[in-house]
Amino acid sequence: MAEKEPGKEPKDGELSETARQMRAAEPYIAAVWKLVGGAVVGVLGGYFLDKGLGTGPWGLLGLSLVGISAGFYGFLHEMARLGKRKR
């Protein structure tokens, strides 16, 4: 078996079935991480903003909505891009 060059991606024919499935699922996993990441960043940002400024739940509510909206936008944008790529 020939040694693979460092930093060189193997071709699909050289991958196991599991590796091929993981490679096919990667764009969808990335899209979900955009959705989750936006929500988490918004919630944490709002929590720490409220904690630092003592503004009650308003920073948490506001930044949660912003984070969820941004995550949802990123998710939909990624799904639209994937839909165009499959055609």
Protein backbone atom coordinates (compact mmCIF):
# COMPACT_ATOMS: atom_id res chain seq x y z
CA MET A 1 0.00 0.00 0.00
CA ALA A 2 1.38 3.37 -0.99
CA GLU A 3 1.92 5.96 1.72
CA LYS A 4 -0.30 9.02 1.55
CA GLU A 5 1.33 12.41 1.28
CA PRO A 6 0.87 14.60 4.36
CA GLY A 7 -1.86 17.20 3.94
CA LYS A 8 -3.34 15.47 0.89
CA GLU A 9 -7.01 14.50 1.03
CA PRO A 10 -7.75 10.92 -0.02
CA LYS A 11 -10.09 10.42 -2.96
CA ASP A 12 -13.56 9.01 -2.32
CA GLY A 13 -12.53 5.65 -3.78
CA GLU A 14 -9.84 5.32 -1.11
CA LEU A 15 -12.24 5.91 1.80
CA SER A 16 -14.16 3.35 3.83
CA GLU A 17 -17.96 3.36 3.68
CA THR A 18 -18.17 5.04 7.08
CA ALA A 19 -15.75 7.77 6.00
CA ARG A 20 -17.78 8.38 2.82
CA GLN A 21 -20.98 8.70 4.85
CA MET A 22 -19.32 11.09 7.28
CA ARG A 23 -18.01 13.20 4.41
CA ALA A 24 -21.52 13.34 2.90
CA ALA A 25 -23.06 14.35 6.25
CA GLU A 26 -20.50 17.08 7.02
CA PRO A 27 -22.34 20.00 5.33
CA TYR A 28 -25.53 19.19 7.24
CA ILE A 29 -23.68 18.91 10.54
CA ALA A 30 -22.06 22.29 9.86
CA ALA A 31 -25.49 23.83 9.18
CA VAL A 32 -26.86 22.50 12.47
CA TRP A 33 -23.83 23.87 14.33
CA LYS A 34 -24.61 27.32 12.90
CA LEU A 35 -28.12 27.10 14.31
CA VAL A 36 -27.02 25.83 17.73
CA GLY A 37 -24.00 28.14 17.90
CA GLY A 38 -26.05 31.26 17.25
CA ALA A 39 -28.50 30.37 20.00
CA VAL A 40 -25.76 29.52 22.52
CA VAL A 41 -23.78 32.69 21.82
CA GLY A 42 -26.92 34.81 22.17
CA VAL A 43 -27.99 33.20 25.44
CA LEU A 44 -24.53 33.35 27.00
CA GLY A 45 -23.96 36.92 25.82
CA GLY A 46 -27.30 38.03 27.25
CA TYR A 47 -26.68 36.24 30.53
CA PHE A 48 -23.30 37.85 31.06
CA LEU A 49 -24.58 41.24 29.92
CA ASP A 50 -27.38 41.07 32.50
CA LYS A 51 -25.00 39.85 35.16
CA GLY A 52 -22.55 42.68 34.50
CA LEU A 53 -25.08 45.50 34.10
CA GLY A 54 -27.79 44.20 36.42
CA THR A 55 -30.48 44.75 33.79
CA GLY A 56 -32.65 41.78 34.72
CA PRO A 57 -33.85 39.45 32.02
CA TRP A 58 -33.87 42.01 29.20
CA GLY A 59 -30.35 41.45 27.90
CA LEU A 60 -30.88 37.70 28.02
CA LEU A 61 -34.18 37.93 26.19
CA GLY A 62 -32.92 40.39 23.60
CA LEU A 63 -29.64 38.69 22.79
CA SER A 64 -31.31 35.26 22.86
CA LEU A 65 -33.69 36.41 20.15
CA VAL A 66 -30.84 37.94 18.16
CA GLY A 67 -28.72 34.78 18.52
CA ILE A 68 -31.55 32.43 17.60
CA SER A 69 -32.45 34.61 14.61
CA ALA A 70 -28.85 34.74 13.43
CA GLY A 71 -28.46 30.99 13.88
CA PHE A 72 -31.69 30.30 12.02
CA TYR A 73 -30.63 32.63 9.20
CA GLY A 74 -27.26 30.87 8.94
CA PHE A 75 -28.96 27.47 8.94
CA LEU A 76 -31.41 28.44 6.19
CA HIS A 77 -28.64 30.09 4.17
CA GLU A 78 -26.54 26.92 4.38
CA MET A 79 -29.49 24.69 3.44
CA ALA A 80 -30.25 26.89 0.42
CA ARG A 81 -26.61 26.70 -0.64
CA LEU A 82 -26.63 22.92 -0.30
CA GLY A 83 -29.87 22.71 -2.27
CA LYS A 84 -28.35 24.68 -5.15
CA ARG A 85 -25.21 22.53 -5.08
CA LYS A 86 -27.17 19.26 -5.39
CA ARG A 87 -28.97 20.34 -8.59
